[in-house]
């Protein structure tokens, strides 16, 4: 049986509602597809996309 002292403090128990893991998805995707991302610079200015020259 639970003692009365513990019954009065049920509200103070720690409860986990959500667990968030910060994982690098780049590594996971590289392992799944066996490809590495290629970063390149923009050659032209494209105003509709908001891209400037030499921007990654």
C-alpha atoms as a PDB file:
ATOM      1  CA  UNK A   1       0.000   0.000   0.000  1.00  0.00           C
ATOM      2  CA  UNK A   2       1.053   3.559  -0.622  1.00  0.00           C
ATOM      3  CA  UNK A   3       1.577   5.581   2.499  1.00  0.00           C
ATOM      4  CA  UNK A   4      -0.495   8.709   3.054  1.00  0.00           C
ATOM      5  CA  UNK A   5       2.591  10.865   2.734  1.00  0.00           C
ATOM      6  CA  UNK A   6       3.093   9.691  -0.851  1.00  0.00           C
ATOM      7  CA  UNK A   7      -0.599  10.099  -1.724  1.00  0.00           C
ATOM      8  CA  UNK A   8      -0.564  13.766  -0.789  1.00  0.00           C
ATOM      9  CA  UNK A   9       2.433  14.435  -3.062  1.00  0.00           C
ATOM     10  CA  UNK A  10       1.211  12.722  -6.255  1.00  0.00           C
ATOM     11  CA  UNK A  11       0.944  16.117  -7.977  1.00  0.00           C
ATOM     12  CA  UNK A  12       4.635  16.759  -7.313  1.00  0.00           C
ATOM     13  CA  UNK A  13       5.734  13.669  -9.251  1.00  0.00           C
ATOM     14  CA  UNK A  14       7.807  14.288 -12.343  1.00  0.00           C
ATOM     15  CA  UNK A  15       6.013  13.283 -15.532  1.00  0.00           C
ATOM     16  CA  UNK A  16       7.572  13.258 -18.983  1.00  0.00           C
ATOM     17  CA  UNK A  17       5.100  14.379 -21.633  1.00  0.00           C
ATOM     18  CA  UNK A  18       7.452  14.991 -24.527  1.00  0.00           C
ATOM     19  CA  UNK A  19      11.004  13.974 -25.380  1.00  0.00           C
ATOM     20  CA  UNK A  20      12.889  15.911 -28.043  1.00  0.00           C
ATOM     21  CA  UNK A  21      16.143  14.566 -29.449  1.00  0.00           C
ATOM     22  CA  UNK A  22      18.510  16.821 -31.316  1.00  0.00           C
ATOM     23  CA  UNK A  23      20.002  14.615 -34.014  1.00  0.00           C
ATOM     24  CA  UNK A  24      22.068  15.669 -36.963  1.00  0.00           C
ATOM     25  CA  UNK A  25      19.836  14.604 -39.861  1.00  0.00           C
ATOM     26  CA  UNK A  26      22.683  15.173 -42.284  1.00  0.00           C
ATOM     27  CA  UNK A  27      24.542  12.155 -40.924  1.00  0.00           C
ATOM     28  CA  UNK A  28      21.413   9.999 -41.007  1.00  0.00           C
ATOM     29  CA  UNK A  29      20.610  10.984 -44.593  1.00  0.00           C
ATOM     30  CA  UNK A  30      24.205  10.387 -45.656  1.00  0.00           C
ATOM     31  CA  UNK A  31      24.048   6.891 -44.194  1.00  0.00           C
ATOM     32  CA  UNK A  32      20.712   6.137 -45.871  1.00  0.00           C
ATOM     33  CA  UNK A  33      21.528   7.476 -49.323  1.00  0.00           C
ATOM     34  CA  UNK A  34      25.316   6.980 -49.210  1.00  0.00           C
ATOM     35  CA  UNK A  35      25.696  10.438 -50.754  1.00  0.00           C
ATOM     36  CA  UNK A  36      27.246  13.583 -49.335  1.00  0.00           C
ATOM     37  CA  UNK A  37      25.710  17.042 -49.770  1.00  0.00           C
ATOM     38  CA  UNK A  38      27.445  19.411 -52.185  1.00  0.00           C
ATOM     39  CA  UNK A  39      27.422  23.099 -51.321  1.00  0.00           C
ATOM     40  CA  UNK A  40      27.815  25.537 -54.192  1.00  0.00           C
ATOM     41  CA  UNK A  41      27.683  29.284 -54.663  1.00  0.00           C
ATOM     42  CA  UNK A  42      25.120  31.098 -56.783  1.00  0.00           C
ATOM     43  CA  UNK A  43      26.427  32.436 -60.083  1.00  0.00           C
ATOM     44  CA  UNK A  44      23.560  34.808 -60.783  1.00  0.00           C
ATOM     45  CA  UNK A  45      21.217  37.063 -58.840  1.00  0.00           C
ATOM     46  CA  UNK A  46      17.663  35.700 -58.723  1.00  0.00           C
ATOM     47  CA  UNK A  47      15.422  38.296 -57.087  1.00  0.00           C
ATOM     48  CA  UNK A  48      12.310  36.138 -57.002  1.00  0.00           C
ATOM     49  CA  UNK A  49      14.131  33.530 -54.881  1.00  0.00           C
ATOM     50  CA  UNK A  50      16.059  36.100 -52.848  1.00  0.00           C
ATOM     51  CA  UNK A  51      19.435  34.715 -53.947  1.00  0.00           C
ATOM     52  CA  UNK A  52      22.474  36.939 -54.314  1.00  0.00           C
ATOM     53  CA  UNK A  53      25.670  36.274 -56.226  1.00  0.00           C
ATOM     54  CA  UNK A  54      28.263  34.092 -54.427  1.00  0.00           C
ATOM     55  CA  UNK A  55      25.716  33.190 -51.750  1.00  0.00           C
ATOM     56  CA  UNK A  56      25.517  29.608 -50.573  1.00  0.00           C
END
